[in-house]
Amino acid sequence: MRATQVSMGVVAHDERGEQVLLDILRAARPYQDAAVYVANYAIALRKLGDDAHAEGIVHFALSRMRPDNDGCVSVARLRDRLSDLSYSGTLAPALARLETAGIVTLMTTEDGAAPRVRLRIPL
C-alpha cells in the first residue's frame, strides 16, 4: 500500500480513488455528468500548480456545503470535510488567498469561537 493507515476508518489514497470510480458508476445520471465536469476542473487546477489546486478544492467544498443560519460555514466544519488537508500548510493559506481574491470573507469573533467563512462567489 502506498498510503499508511493510521486509524480505523481511514481509506488509503488508492482505495479512495477506486471507491470514487465505483460510486460514479452507481450515481444518478446528473451526478455522473457532474463528475465529468469536476474531473476536468480538477485536471485544469493541477496544471496550474499546488496553490491553485488547493484553492479549487476549498472553493468547491464551500460551494457544496450548506451555510449556517448566518450564511457562514465554520472553519471547523470545513476542516472536517477536508480532513486530508493540512490546516496550517494548505487550508489556511488557501482560505487567505481566496479572501484576497474576493471569493470568501473570513470572519473571526471576539469570544474566541472558531473562525467562520462566508462564500461570496460560489462555483
PDB file of N, CA and C in Angstrom:
ATOM      1  N   MET A   1       0.835  -1.187   0.000  1.00  0.00           N
ATOM      2  CA  MET A   1       0.000   0.000   0.000  1.00  0.00           C
ATOM      3  C   MET A   1       0.872   1.240   0.000  1.00  0.00           C
ATOM      4  N   ARG A   2       0.451   2.243  -0.738  1.00  0.00           N
ATOM      5  CA  ARG A   2       1.217   3.474  -0.812  1.00  0.00           C
ATOM      6  C   ARG A   2       0.925   4.406   0.353  1.00  0.00           C
ATOM      7  N   ALA A   3      -0.258   4.348   0.885  1.00  0.00           N
ATOM      8  CA  ALA A   3      -0.621   5.237   1.990  1.00  0.00           C
ATOM      9  C   ALA A   3      -0.615   4.449   3.291  1.00  0.00           C
ATOM     10  N   THR A   4      -0.301   5.120   4.362  1.00  0.00           N
ATOM     11  CA  THR A   4      -0.302   4.493   5.675  1.00  0.00           C
ATOM     12  C   THR A   4      -1.638   4.745   6.345  1.00  0.00           C
ATOM     13  N   GLN A   5      -2.251   3.710   6.846  1.00  0.00           N
ATOM     14  CA  GLN A   5      -3.496   3.858   7.566  1.00  0.00           C
ATOM     15  C   GLN A   5      -3.159   4.022   9.036  1.00  0.00           C
ATOM     16  N   VAL A   6      -3.585   5.122   9.617  1.00  0.00           N
ATOM     17  CA  VAL A   6      -3.224   5.405  10.994  1.00  0.00           C
ATOM     18  C   VAL A   6      -4.358   5.159  11.969  1.00  0.00           C
ATOM     19  N   SER A   7      -5.574   5.025  11.500  1.00  0.00           N
ATOM     20  CA  SER A   7      -6.680   4.764  12.414  1.00  0.00           C
ATOM     21  C   SER A   7      -7.799   4.047  11.678  1.00  0.00           C
ATOM     22  N   MET A   8      -8.711   3.477  12.443  1.00  0.00           N
ATOM     23  CA  MET A   8      -9.844   2.779  11.857  1.00  0.00           C
ATOM     24  C   MET A   8     -10.653   3.752  11.006  1.00  0.00           C
ATOM     25  N   GLY A   9     -11.141   3.298   9.878  1.00  0.00           N
ATOM     26  CA  GLY A   9     -11.959   4.124   9.018  1.00  0.00           C
ATOM     27  C   GLY A   9     -11.183   4.938   8.000  1.00  0.00           C
ATOM     28  N   VAL A  10      -9.876   4.960   8.113  1.00  0.00           N
ATOM     29  CA  VAL A  10      -9.070   5.698   7.151  1.00  0.00           C
ATOM     30  C   VAL A  10      -8.939   4.848   5.892  1.00  0.00           C
ATOM     31  N   VAL A  11      -9.115   5.503   4.754  1.00  0.00           N
ATOM     32  CA  VAL A  11      -9.029   4.805   3.478  1.00  0.00           C
ATOM     33  C   VAL A  11      -7.738   5.232   2.800  1.00  0.00           C
ATOM     34  N   ALA A  12      -6.952   4.273   2.397  1.00  0.00           N
ATOM     35  CA  ALA A  12      -5.717   4.585   1.671  1.00  0.00           C
ATOM     36  C   ALA A  12      -6.065   5.339   0.397  1.00  0.00           C
ATOM     37  N   HIS A  13      -5.158   6.201  -0.035  1.00  0.00           N
ATOM     38  CA  HIS A  13      -5.410   7.077  -1.180  1.00  0.00           C
ATOM     39  C   HIS A  13      -5.864   6.287  -2.412  1.00  0.00           C
ATOM     40  N   ASP A  14      -5.183   5.219  -2.747  1.00  0.00           N
ATOM     41  CA  ASP A  14      -5.553   4.441  -3.920  1.00  0.00           C
ATOM     42  C   ASP A  14      -6.932   3.800  -3.744  1.00  0.00           C
ATOM     43  N   GLU A  15      -7.234   3.368  -2.532  1.00  0.00           N
ATOM     44  CA  GLU A  15      -8.544   2.776  -2.280  1.00  0.00           C
ATOM     45  C   GLU A  15      -9.641   3.826  -2.417  1.00  0.00           C
ATOM     46  N   ARG A  16      -9.356   5.059  -1.999  1.00  0.00           N
ATOM     47  CA  ARG A  16     -10.343   6.132  -2.120  1.00  0.00           C
ATOM     48  C   ARG A  16     -10.662   6.361  -3.597  1.00  0.00           C
ATOM     49  N   GLY A  17      -9.649   6.371  -4.435  1.00  0.00           N
ATOM     50  CA  GLY A  17      -9.870   6.550  -5.864  1.00  0.00           C
ATOM     51  C   GLY A  17     -10.719   5.434  -6.445  1.00  0.00           C
ATOM     52  N   GLU A  18     -10.427   4.218  -6.040  1.00  0.00           N
ATOM     53  CA  GLU A  18     -11.222   3.080  -6.508  1.00  0.00           C
ATOM     54  C   GLU A  18     -12.675   3.213  -6.065  1.00  0.00           C
ATOM     55  N   GLN A  19     -12.881   3.672  -4.833  1.00  0.00           N
ATOM     56  CA  GLN A  19     -14.245   3.848  -4.326  1.00  0.00           C
ATOM     57  C   GLN A  19     -14.968   4.946  -5.091  1.00  0.00           C
ATOM     58  N   VAL A  20     -14.254   6.011  -5.429  1.00  0.00           N
ATOM     59  CA  VAL A  20     -14.852   7.104  -6.203  1.00  0.00           C
ATOM     60  C   VAL A  20     -15.329   6.584  -7.548  1.00  0.00           C
ATOM     61  N   LEU A  21     -14.490   5.791  -8.212  1.00  0.00           N
ATOM     62  CA  LEU A  21     -14.875   5.259  -9.522  1.00  0.00           C
ATOM     63  C   LEU A  21     -16.123   4.382  -9.428  1.00  0.00           C
ATOM     64  N   LEU A  22     -16.174   3.563  -8.413  1.00  0.00           N
ATOM     65  CA  LEU A  22     -17.358   2.709  -8.216  1.00  0.00           C
ATOM     66  C   LEU A  22     -18.589   3.553  -7.888  1.00  0.00           C
ATOM     67  N   ASP A  23     -18.418   4.568  -7.057  1.00  0.00           N
ATOM     68  CA  ASP A  23     -19.539   5.447  -6.702  1.00  0.00           C
ATOM     69  C   ASP A  23     -20.076   6.195  -7.916  1.00  0.00           C
ATOM     70  N   ILE A  24     -19.189   6.584  -8.829  1.00  0.00           N
ATOM     71  CA  ILE A  24     -19.642   7.257 -10.050  1.00  0.00           C
ATOM     72  C   ILE A  24     -20.525   6.321 -10.863  1.00  0.00           C
ATOM     73  N   LEU A  25     -20.135   5.062 -10.960  1.00  0.00           N
ATOM     74  CA  LEU A  25     -20.959   4.103 -11.701  1.00  0.00           C
ATOM     75  C   LEU A  25     -22.333   3.931 -11.072  1.00  0.00           C
ATOM     76  N   ARG A  26     -22.409   4.039  -9.763  1.00  0.00           N
ATOM     77  CA  ARG A  26     -23.675   3.855  -9.037  1.00  0.00           C
ATOM     78  C   ARG A  26     -24.532   5.117  -9.000  1.00  0.00           C
ATOM     79  N   ALA A  27     -23.947   6.268  -9.242  1.00  0.00           N
ATOM     80  CA  ALA A  27     -24.639   7.544  -9.079  1.00  0.00           C
ATOM     81  C   ALA A  27     -25.711   7.757 -10.145  1.00  0.00           C
ATOM     82  N   ALA A  28     -26.629   8.653  -9.830  1.00  0.00           N
ATOM     83  CA  ALA A  28     -27.655   9.058 -10.791  1.00  0.00           C
ATOM     84  C   ALA A  28     -26.990   9.830 -11.935  1.00  0.00           C
ATOM     85  N   ARG A  29     -27.630   9.829 -13.071  1.00  0.00           N
ATOM     86  CA  ARG A  29     -27.069  10.444 -14.279  1.00  0.00           C
ATOM     87  C   ARG A  29     -26.609  11.890 -14.061  1.00  0.00           C
ATOM     88  N   PRO A  30     -27.367  12.748 -13.375  1.00  0.00           N
ATOM     89  CA  PRO A  30     -26.883  14.124 -13.183  1.00  0.00           C
ATOM     90  C   PRO A  30     -25.543  14.178 -12.438  1.00  0.00           C
ATOM     91  N   TYR A  31     -25.343  13.283 -11.490  1.00  0.00           N
ATOM     92  CA  TYR A  31     -24.070  13.248 -10.773  1.00  0.00           C
ATOM     93  C   TYR A  31     -22.955  12.686 -11.651  1.00  0.00           C
ATOM     94  N   GLN A  32     -23.276  11.758 -12.537  1.00  0.00           N
ATOM     95  CA  GLN A  32     -22.268  11.256 -13.466  1.00  0.00           C
ATOM     96  C   GLN A  32     -21.824  12.365 -14.417  1.00  0.00           C
ATOM     97  N   ASP A  33     -22.786  13.153 -14.914  1.00  0.00           N
ATOM     98  CA  ASP A  33     -22.428  14.294 -15.769  1.00  0.00           C
ATOM     99  C   ASP A  33     -21.572  15.288 -14.995  1.00  0.00           C
ATOM    100  N   ALA A  34     -21.940  15.543 -13.739  1.00  0.00           N
ATOM    101  CA  ALA A  34     -21.172  16.473 -12.903  1.00  0.00           C
ATOM    102  C   ALA A  34     -19.775  15.923 -12.635  1.00  0.00           C
ATOM    103  N   ALA A  35     -19.649  14.617 -12.490  1.00  0.00           N
ATOM    104  CA  ALA A  35     -18.342  14.011 -12.220  1.00  0.00           C
ATOM    105  C   ALA A  35     -17.379  14.266 -13.370  1.00  0.00           C
ATOM    106  N   VAL A  36     -17.878  14.227 -14.596  1.00  0.00           N
ATOM    107  CA  VAL A  36     -17.035  14.510 -15.763  1.00  0.00           C
ATOM    108  C   VAL A  36     -16.561  15.961 -15.701  1.00  0.00           C
ATOM    109  N   TYR A  37     -17.483  16.867 -15.396  1.00  0.00           N
ATOM    110  CA  TYR A  37     -17.138  18.287 -15.299  1.00  0.00           C
ATOM    111  C   TYR A  37     -16.115  18.522 -14.184  1.00  0.00           C
ATOM    112  N   VAL A  38     -16.363  17.936 -13.017  1.00  0.00           N
ATOM    113  CA  VAL A  38     -15.469  18.117 -11.867  1.00  0.00           C
ATOM    114  C   VAL A  38     -14.098  17.504 -12.150  1.00  0.00           C
ATOM    115  N   ALA A  39     -14.054  16.366 -12.813  1.00  0.00           N
ATOM    116  CA  ALA A  39     -12.770  15.745 -13.146  1.00  0.00           C
ATOM    117  C   ALA A  39     -11.958  16.651 -14.069  1.00  0.00           C
ATOM    118  N   ASN A  40     -12.596  17.244 -15.055  1.00  0.00           N
ATOM    119  CA  ASN A  40     -11.891  18.166 -15.954  1.00  0.00           C
ATOM    120  C   ASN A  40     -11.427  19.413 -15.208  1.00  0.00           C
ATOM    121  N   TYR A  41     -12.243  19.903 -14.287  1.00  0.00           N
ATOM    122  CA  TYR A  41     -11.883  21.052 -13.454  1.00  0.00           C
ATOM    123  C   TYR A  41     -10.657  20.707 -12.606  1.00  0.00           C
ATOM    124  N   ALA A  42     -10.645  19.534 -12.017  1.00  0.00           N
ATOM    125  CA  ALA A  42      -9.522  19.105 -11.173  1.00  0.00           C
ATOM    126  C   ALA A  42      -8.238  18.985 -11.992  1.00  0.00           C
ATOM    127  N   ILE A  43      -8.331  18.458 -13.182  1.00  0.00           N
ATOM    128  CA  ILE A  43      -7.154  18.337 -14.049  1.00  0.00           C
ATOM    129  C   ILE A  43      -6.607  19.722 -14.398  1.00  0.00           C
ATOM    130  N   ALA A  44      -7.498  20.649 -14.716  1.00  0.00           N
ATOM    131  CA  ALA A  44      -7.067  22.012 -15.049  1.00  0.00           C
ATOM    132  C   ALA A  44      -6.404  22.674 -13.839  1.00  0.00           C
ATOM    133  N   LEU A  45      -6.960  22.465 -12.647  1.00  0.00           N
ATOM    134  CA  LEU A  45      -6.368  23.042 -11.434  1.00  0.00           C
ATOM    135  C   LEU A  45      -4.970  22.486 -11.186  1.00  0.00           C
ATOM    136  N   ARG A  46      -4.803  21.194 -11.345  1.00  0.00           N
ATOM    137  CA  ARG A  46      -3.483  20.580 -11.116  1.00  0.00           C
ATOM    138  C   ARG A  46      -2.436  21.163 -12.061  1.00  0.00           C
ATOM    139  N   LYS A  47      -2.852  21.476 -13.291  1.00  0.00           N
ATOM    140  CA  LYS A  47      -1.924  22.073 -14.250  1.00  0.00           C
ATOM    141  C   LYS A  47      -1.482  23.464 -13.815  1.00  0.00           C
ATOM    142  N   LEU A  48      -2.309  24.147 -13.005  1.00  0.00           N
ATOM    143  CA  LEU A  48      -1.989  25.491 -12.532  1.00  0.00           C
ATOM    144  C   LEU A  48      -1.087  25.486 -11.302  1.00  0.00           C
ATOM    145  N   GLY A  49      -0.883  24.318 -10.703  1.00  0.00           N
ATOM    146  CA  GLY A  49       0.008  24.214  -9.556  1.00  0.00           C
ATOM    147  C   GLY A  49      -0.710  23.886  -8.261  1.00  0.00           C
ATOM    148  N   ASP A  50       0.101  23.626  -7.236  1.00  0.00           N
ATOM    149  CA  ASP A  50      -0.434  23.180  -5.946  1.00  0.00           C
ATOM    150  C   ASP A  50      -1.337  24.211  -5.277  1.00  0.00           C
ATOM    151  N   ASP A  51      -0.959  25.492  -5.343  1.00  0.00           N
ATOM    152  CA  ASP A  51      -1.781  26.525  -4.705  1.00  0.00           C
ATOM    153  C   ASP A  51      -3.153  26.615  -5.365  1.00  0.00           C
ATOM    154  N   ALA A  52      -3.185  26.639  -6.683  1.00  0.00           N
ATOM    155  CA  ALA A  52      -4.464  26.714  -7.401  1.00  0.00           C
ATOM    156  C   ALA A  52      -5.305  25.473  -7.130  1.00  0.00           C
ATOM    157  N   HIS A  53      -4.656  24.323  -7.052  1.00  0.00           N
ATOM    158  CA  HIS A  53      -5.375  23.081  -6.771  1.00  0.00           C
ATOM    159  C   HIS A  53      -6.019  23.143  -5.389  1.00  0.00           C
ATOM    160  N   ALA A  54      -5.262  23.591  -4.393  1.00  0.00           N
ATOM    161  CA  ALA A  54      -5.796  23.700  -3.029  1.00  0.00           C
ATOM    162  C   ALA A  54      -6.943  24.708  -2.979  1.00  0.00           C
ATOM    163  N   GLU A  55      -6.772  25.853  -3.626  1.00  0.00           N
ATOM    164  CA  GLU A  55      -7.834  26.860  -3.651  1.00  0.00           C
ATOM    165  C   GLU A  55      -9.090  26.302  -4.310  1.00  0.00           C
ATOM    166  N   GLY A  56      -8.920  25.553  -5.387  1.00  0.00           N
ATOM    167  CA  GLY A  56     -10.065  24.959  -6.078  1.00  0.00           C
ATOM    168  C   GLY A  56     -10.798  23.956  -5.219  1.00  0.00           C
ATOM    169  N   ILE A  57     -10.054  23.154  -4.485  1.00  0.00           N
ATOM    170  CA  ILE A  57     -10.688  22.180  -3.594  1.00  0.00           C
ATOM    171  C   ILE A  57     -11.497  22.900  -2.525  1.00  0.00           C
ATOM    172  N   VAL A  58     -10.902  23.910  -1.899  1.00  0.00           N
ATOM    173  CA  VAL A  58     -11.584  24.649  -0.829  1.00  0.00           C
ATOM    174  C   VAL A  58     -12.809  25.371  -1.388  1.00  0.00           C
ATOM    175  N   HIS A  59     -12.655  26.021  -2.520  1.00  0.00           N
ATOM    176  CA  HIS A  59     -13.765  26.750  -3.140  1.00  0.00           C
ATOM    177  C   HIS A  59     -14.903  25.795  -3.487  1.00  0.00           C
ATOM    178  N   PHE A  60     -14.569  24.658  -4.067  1.00  0.00           N
ATOM    179  CA  PHE A  60     -15.584  23.667  -4.428  1.00  0.00           C
ATOM    180  C   PHE A  60     -16.287  23.142  -3.176  1.00  0.00           C
ATOM    181  N   ALA A  61     -15.511  22.787  -2.153  1.00  0.00           N
ATOM    182  CA  ALA A  61     -16.110  22.264  -0.920  1.00  0.00           C
ATOM    183  C   ALA A  61     -17.061  23.283  -0.310  1.00  0.00           C
ATOM    184  N   LEU A  62     -16.633  24.539  -0.220  1.00  0.00           N
ATOM    185  CA  LEU A  62     -17.503  25.577   0.341  1.00  0.00           C
ATOM    186  C   LEU A  62     -18.766  25.769  -0.499  1.00  0.00           C
ATOM    187  N   SER A  63     -18.632  25.644  -1.807  1.00  0.00           N
ATOM    188  CA  SER A  63     -19.788  25.811  -2.687  1.00  0.00           C
ATOM    189  C   SER A  63     -20.807  24.693  -2.501  1.00  0.00           C
ATOM    190  N   ARG A  64     -20.360  23.549  -2.030  1.00  0.00           N
ATOM    191  CA  ARG A  64     -21.248  22.397  -1.852  1.00  0.00           C
ATOM    192  C   ARG A  64     -21.738  22.231  -0.413  1.00  0.00           C
ATOM    193  N   MET A  65     -21.270  23.075   0.506  1.00  0.00           N
ATOM    194  CA  MET A  65     -21.668  22.967   1.912  1.00  0.00           C
ATOM    195  C   MET A  65     -22.809  23.929   2.212  1.00  0.00           C
ATOM    196  N   ARG A  66     -23.739  23.475   3.015  1.00  0.00           N
ATOM    197  CA  ARG A  66     -24.853  24.326   3.428  1.00  0.00           C
ATOM    198  C   ARG A  66     -24.367  25.266   4.523  1.00  0.00           C
ATOM    199  N   PRO A  67     -24.553  26.567   4.328  1.00  0.00           N
ATOM    200  CA  PRO A  67     -24.125  27.502   5.376  1.00  0.00           C
ATOM    201  C   PRO A  67     -25.068  27.452   6.574  1.00  0.00           C
ATOM    202  N   ASP A  68     -24.574  27.933   7.705  1.00  0.00           N
ATOM    203  CA  ASP A  68     -25.399  28.047   8.897  1.00  0.00           C
ATOM    204  C   ASP A  68     -26.402  29.181   8.699  1.00  0.00           C
ATOM    205  N   ASN A  69     -27.229  29.437   9.706  1.00  0.00           N
ATOM    206  CA  ASN A  69     -28.259  30.474   9.611  1.00  0.00           C
ATOM    207  C   ASN A  69     -27.697  31.855   9.304  1.00  0.00           C
ATOM    208  N   ASP A  70     -26.456  32.098   9.683  1.00  0.00           N
ATOM    209  CA  ASP A  70     -25.855  33.413   9.438  1.00  0.00           C
ATOM    210  C   ASP A  70     -25.164  33.514   8.080  1.00  0.00           C
ATOM    211  N   GLY A  71     -25.308  32.481   7.261  1.00  0.00           N
ATOM    212  CA  GLY A  71     -24.723  32.496   5.929  1.00  0.00           C
ATOM    213  C   GLY A  71     -23.256  32.107   5.888  1.00  0.00           C
ATOM    214  N   CYS A  72     -22.732  31.585   6.983  1.00  0.00           N
ATOM    215  CA  CYS A  72     -21.318  31.225   7.071  1.00  0.00           C
ATOM    216  C   CYS A  72     -21.150  29.729   7.297  1.00  0.00           C
ATOM    217  N   VAL A  73     -19.956  29.273   7.018  1.00  0.00           N
ATOM    218  CA  VAL A  73     -19.542  27.899   7.325  1.00  0.00           C
ATOM    219  C   VAL A  73     -18.393  28.011   8.313  1.00  0.00           C
ATOM    220  N   SER A  74     -18.465  27.264   9.389  1.00  0.00           N
ATOM    221  CA  SER A  74     -17.361  27.325  10.349  1.00  0.00           C
ATOM    222  C   SER A  74     -16.135  26.651   9.749  1.00  0.00           C
ATOM    223  N   VAL A  75     -14.987  27.184  10.084  1.00  0.00           N
ATOM    224  CA  VAL A  75     -13.742  26.578   9.624  1.00  0.00           C
ATOM    225  C   VAL A  75     -13.628  25.166  10.177  1.00  0.00           C
ATOM    226  N   ALA A  76     -14.177  24.924  11.356  1.00  0.00           N
ATOM    227  CA  ALA A  76     -14.152  23.577  11.935  1.00  0.00           C
ATOM    228  C   ALA A  76     -14.907  22.591  11.041  1.00  0.00           C
ATOM    229  N   ARG A  77     -16.083  22.982  10.537  1.00  0.00           N
ATOM    230  CA  ARG A  77     -16.836  22.107   9.615  1.00  0.00           C
ATOM    231  C   ARG A  77     -16.073  21.894   8.320  1.00  0.00           C
ATOM    232  N   LEU A  78     -15.446  22.962   7.824  1.00  0.00           N
ATOM    233  CA  LEU A  78     -14.660  22.848   6.592  1.00  0.00           C
ATOM    234  C   LEU A  78     -13.479  21.910   6.799  1.00  0.00           C
ATOM    235  N   ARG A  79     -12.835  22.016   7.953  1.00  0.00           N
ATOM    236  CA  ARG A  79     -11.710  21.124   8.259  1.00  0.00           C
ATOM    237  C   ARG A  79     -12.166  19.675   8.318  1.00  0.00           C
ATOM    238  N   ASP A  80     -13.353  19.440   8.878  1.00  0.00           N
ATOM    239  CA  ASP A  80     -13.899  18.077   8.918  1.00  0.00           C
ATOM    240  C   ASP A  80     -14.127  17.553   7.510  1.00  0.00           C
ATOM    241  N   ARG A  81     -14.654  18.395   6.630  1.00  0.00           N
ATOM    242  CA  ARG A  81     -14.936  17.985   5.255  1.00  0.00           C
ATOM    243  C   ARG A  81     -13.648  17.710   4.490  1.00  0.00           C
ATOM    244  N   LEU A  82     -12.608  18.486   4.789  1.00  0.00           N
ATOM    245  CA  LEU A  82     -11.325  18.369   4.078  1.00  0.00           C
ATOM    246  C   LEU A  82     -10.243  17.877   5.030  1.00  0.00           C
ATOM    247  N   SER A  83     -10.545  16.817   5.747  1.00  0.00           N
ATOM    248  CA  SER A  83      -9.658  16.341   6.811  1.00  0.00           C
ATOM    249  C   SER A  83      -8.297  15.875   6.312  1.00  0.00           C
ATOM    250  N   ASP A  84      -8.179  15.599   5.025  1.00  0.00           N
ATOM    251  CA  ASP A  84      -6.888  15.161   4.499  1.00  0.00           C
ATOM    252  C   ASP A  84      -5.965  16.332   4.161  1.00  0.00           C
ATOM    253  N   LEU A  85      -6.458  17.574   4.256  1.00  0.00           N
ATOM    254  CA  LEU A  85      -5.623  18.744   4.008  1.00  0.00           C
ATOM    255  C   LEU A  85      -5.048  19.262   5.323  1.00  0.00           C
ATOM    256  N   SER A  86      -3.783  19.558   5.331  1.00  0.00           N
ATOM    257  CA  SER A  86      -3.143  20.171   6.487  1.00  0.00           C
ATOM    258  C   SER A  86      -3.750  21.553   6.693  1.00  0.00           C
ATOM    259  N   TYR A  87      -4.139  21.856   7.930  1.00  0.00           N
ATOM    260  CA  TYR A  87      -4.748  23.165   8.183  1.00  0.00           C
ATOM    261  C   TYR A  87      -3.742  24.285   7.960  1.00  0.00           C
ATOM    262  N   SER A  88      -2.626  24.224   8.650  1.00  0.00           N
ATOM    263  CA  SER A  88      -1.670  25.336   8.561  1.00  0.00           C
ATOM    264  C   SER A  88      -0.889  25.335   7.253  1.00  0.00           C
ATOM    265  N   GLY A  89      -0.677  24.161   6.662  1.00  0.00           N
ATOM    266  CA  GLY A  89       0.123  24.083   5.445  1.00  0.00           C
ATOM    267  C   GLY A  89      -0.651  24.293   4.169  1.00  0.00           C
ATOM    268  N   THR A  90      -1.952  23.973   4.173  1.00  0.00           N
ATOM    269  CA  THR A  90      -2.729  24.036   2.930  1.00  0.00           C
ATOM    270  C   THR A  90      -4.026  24.824   3.084  1.00  0.00           C
ATOM    271  N   LEU A  91      -4.859  24.433   4.046  1.00  0.00           N
ATOM    272  CA  LEU A  91      -6.201  25.007   4.147  1.00  0.00           C
ATOM    273  C   LEU A  91      -6.186  26.492   4.497  1.00  0.00           C
ATOM    274  N   ALA A  92      -5.489  26.867   5.557  1.00  0.00           N
ATOM    275  CA  ALA A  92      -5.457  28.280   5.969  1.00  0.00           C
ATOM    276  C   ALA A  92      -4.853  29.176   4.884  1.00  0.00           C
ATOM    277  N   PRO A  93      -3.725  28.784   4.263  1.00  0.00           N
ATOM    278  CA  PRO A  93      -3.203  29.628   3.180  1.00  0.00           C
ATOM    279  C   PRO A  93      -4.161  29.731   1.992  1.00  0.00           C
ATOM    280  N   ALA A  94      -4.849  28.643   1.665  1.00  0.00           N
ATOM    281  CA  ALA A  94      -5.806  28.680   0.549  1.00  0.00           C
ATOM    282  C   ALA A  94      -6.959  29.630   0.880  1.00  0.00           C
ATOM    283  N   LEU A  95      -7.448  29.577   2.121  1.00  0.00           N
ATOM    284  CA  LEU A  95      -8.515  30.495   2.531  1.00  0.00           C
ATOM    285  C   LEU A  95      -8.045  31.947   2.448  1.00  0.00           C
ATOM    286  N   ALA A  96      -6.817  32.204   2.860  1.00  0.00           N
ATOM    287  CA  ALA A  96      -6.280  33.565   2.800  1.00  0.00           C
ATOM    288  C   ALA A  96      -6.197  34.049   1.356  1.00  0.00           C
ATOM    289  N   ARG A  97      -5.759  33.184   0.444  1.00  0.00           N
ATOM    290  CA  ARG A  97      -5.674  33.577  -0.971  1.00  0.00           C
ATOM    291  C   ARG A  97      -7.065  33.796  -1.562  1.00  0.00           C
ATOM    292  N   LEU A  98      -8.031  32.950  -1.166  1.00  0.00           N
ATOM    293  CA  LEU A  98      -9.399  33.127  -1.646  1.00  0.00           C
ATOM    294  C   LEU A  98     -10.004  34.428  -1.121  1.00  0.00           C
ATOM    295  N   GLU A  99      -9.644  34.800   0.093  1.00  0.00           N
ATOM    296  CA  GLU A  99     -10.126  36.075   0.637  1.00  0.00           C
ATOM    297  C   GLU A  99      -9.509  37.241  -0.133  1.00  0.00           C
ATOM    298  N   THR A 100      -8.228  37.173  -0.401  1.00  0.00           N
ATOM    299  CA  THR A 100      -7.563  38.224  -1.170  1.00  0.00           C
ATOM    300  C   THR A 100      -8.199  38.376  -2.548  1.00  0.00           C
ATOM    301  N   ALA A 101      -8.626  37.272  -3.131  1.00  0.00           N
ATOM    302  CA  ALA A 101      -9.260  37.288  -4.450  1.00  0.00           C
ATOM    303  C   ALA A 101     -10.730  37.724  -4.385  1.00  0.00           C
ATOM    304  N   GLY A 102     -11.281  37.914  -3.183  1.00  0.00           N
ATOM    305  CA  GLY A 102     -12.662  38.340  -3.030  1.00  0.00           C
ATOM    306  C   GLY A 102     -13.679  37.228  -3.140  1.00  0.00           C
ATOM    307  N   ILE A 103     -13.231  35.978  -3.079  1.00  0.00           N
ATOM    308  CA  ILE A 103     -14.132  34.832  -3.223  1.00  0.00           C
ATOM    309  C   ILE A 103     -14.791  34.474  -1.899  1.00  0.00           C
ATOM    310  N   VAL A 104     -14.076  34.652  -0.803  1.00  0.00           N
ATOM    311  CA  VAL A 104     -14.621  34.393   0.531  1.00  0.00           C
ATOM    312  C   VAL A 104     -14.307  35.569   1.443  1.00  0.00           C
ATOM    313  N   THR A 105     -15.022  35.621   2.547  1.00  0.00           N
ATOM    314  CA  THR A 105     -14.718  36.551   3.619  1.00  0.00           C
ATOM    315  C   THR A 105     -14.471  35.721   4.864  1.00  0.00           C
ATOM    316  N   LEU A 106     -13.317  35.928   5.490  1.00  0.00           N
ATOM    317  CA  LEU A 106     -13.001  35.231   6.736  1.00  0.00           C
ATOM    318  C   LEU A 106     -13.478  36.099   7.886  1.00  0.00           C
ATOM    319  N   MET A 107     -14.193  35.483   8.812  1.00  0.00           N
ATOM    320  CA  MET A 107     -14.759  36.223   9.928  1.00  0.00           C
ATOM    321  C   MET A 107     -14.301  35.593  11.232  1.00  0.00           C
ATOM    322  N   THR A 108     -13.857  36.419  12.136  1.00  0.00           N
ATOM    323  CA  THR A 108     -13.471  35.948  13.460  1.00  0.00           C
ATOM    324  C   THR A 108     -14.386  36.604  14.484  1.00  0.00           C
ATOM    325  N   THR A 109     -14.480  35.965  15.625  1.00  0.00           N
ATOM    326  CA  THR A 109     -15.307  36.504  16.692  1.00  0.00           C
ATOM    327  C   THR A 109     -14.423  36.868  17.867  1.00  0.00           C
ATOM    328  N   GLU A 110     -14.891  37.793  18.643  1.00  0.00           N
ATOM    329  CA  GLU A 110     -14.122  38.243  19.799  1.00  0.00           C
ATOM    330  C   GLU A 110     -14.190  37.246  20.942  1.00  0.00           C
ATOM    331  N   ASP A 111     -15.182  36.356  20.930  1.00  0.00           N
ATOM    332  CA  ASP A 111     -15.346  35.415  22.041  1.00  0.00           C
ATOM    333  C   ASP A 111     -14.477  34.166  21.906  1.00  0.00           C
ATOM    334  N   GLY A 112     -13.616  34.131  20.911  1.00  0.00           N
ATOM    335  CA  GLY A 112     -12.694  33.013  20.752  1.00  0.00           C
ATOM    336  C   GLY A 112     -13.281  31.814  20.032  1.00  0.00           C
ATOM    337  N   ALA A 113     -14.493  31.962  19.482  1.00  0.00           N
ATOM    338  CA  ALA A 113     -15.103  30.860  18.739  1.00  0.00           C
ATOM    339  C   ALA A 113     -14.308  30.621  17.457  1.00  0.00           C
ATOM    340  N   ALA A 114     -14.535  29.468  16.873  1.00  0.00           N
ATOM    341  CA  ALA A 114     -13.828  29.108  15.637  1.00  0.00           C
ATOM    342  C   ALA A 114     -14.129  30.128  14.543  1.00  0.00           C
ATOM    343  N   PRO A 115     -13.140  30.455  13.724  1.00  0.00           N
ATOM    344  CA  PRO A 115     -13.378  31.381  12.614  1.00  0.00           C
ATOM    345  C   PRO A 115     -14.444  30.832  11.671  1.00  0.00           C
ATOM    346  N   ARG A 116     -15.048  31.738  10.932  1.00  0.00           N
ATOM    347  CA  ARG A 116     -16.108  31.350  10.010  1.00  0.00           C
ATOM    348  C   ARG A 116     -15.778  31.893   8.620  1.00  0.00           C
ATOM    349  N   VAL A 117     -16.353  31.267   7.615  1.00  0.00           N
ATOM    350  CA  VAL A 117     -16.099  31.646   6.228  1.00  0.00           C
ATOM    351  C   VAL A 117     -17.448  31.955   5.572  1.00  0.00           C
ATOM    352  N   ARG A 118     -17.502  33.097   4.913  1.00  0.00           N
ATOM    353  CA  ARG A 118     -18.681  33.428   4.107  1.00  0.00           C
ATOM    354  C   ARG A 118     -18.258  33.358   2.650  1.00  0.00           C
ATOM    355  N   LEU A 119     -18.929  32.505   1.911  1.00  0.00           N
ATOM    356  CA  LEU A 119     -18.648  32.350   0.479  1.00  0.00           C
ATOM    357  C   LEU A 119     -19.322  33.493  -0.272  1.00  0.00           C
ATOM    358  N   ARG A 120     -18.536  34.277  -0.963  1.00  0.00           N
ATOM    359  CA  ARG A 120     -19.058  35.428  -1.706  1.00  0.00           C
ATOM    360  C   ARG A 120     -19.319  35.086  -3.161  1.00  0.00           C
ATOM    361  N   ILE A 121     -18.516  34.185  -3.735  1.00  0.00           N
ATOM    362  CA  ILE A 121     -18.661  33.821  -5.146  1.00  0.00           C
ATOM    363  C   ILE A 121     -18.680  32.285  -5.239  1.00  0.00           C
ATOM    364  N   PRO A 122     -19.879  31.687  -5.305  1.00  0.00           N
ATOM    365  CA  PRO A 122     -19.929  30.231  -5.437  1.00  0.00           C
ATOM    366  C   PRO A 122     -19.498  29.772  -6.824  1.00  0.00           C
ATOM    367  N   LEU A 123     -19.123  28.519  -6.915  1.00  0.00           N
ATOM    368  CA  LEU A 123     -18.775  27.950  -8.236  1.00  0.00           C
ATOM    369  C   LEU A 123     -20.038  27.689  -9.021  1.00  0.00           C
TER     370      LEU A 123
END
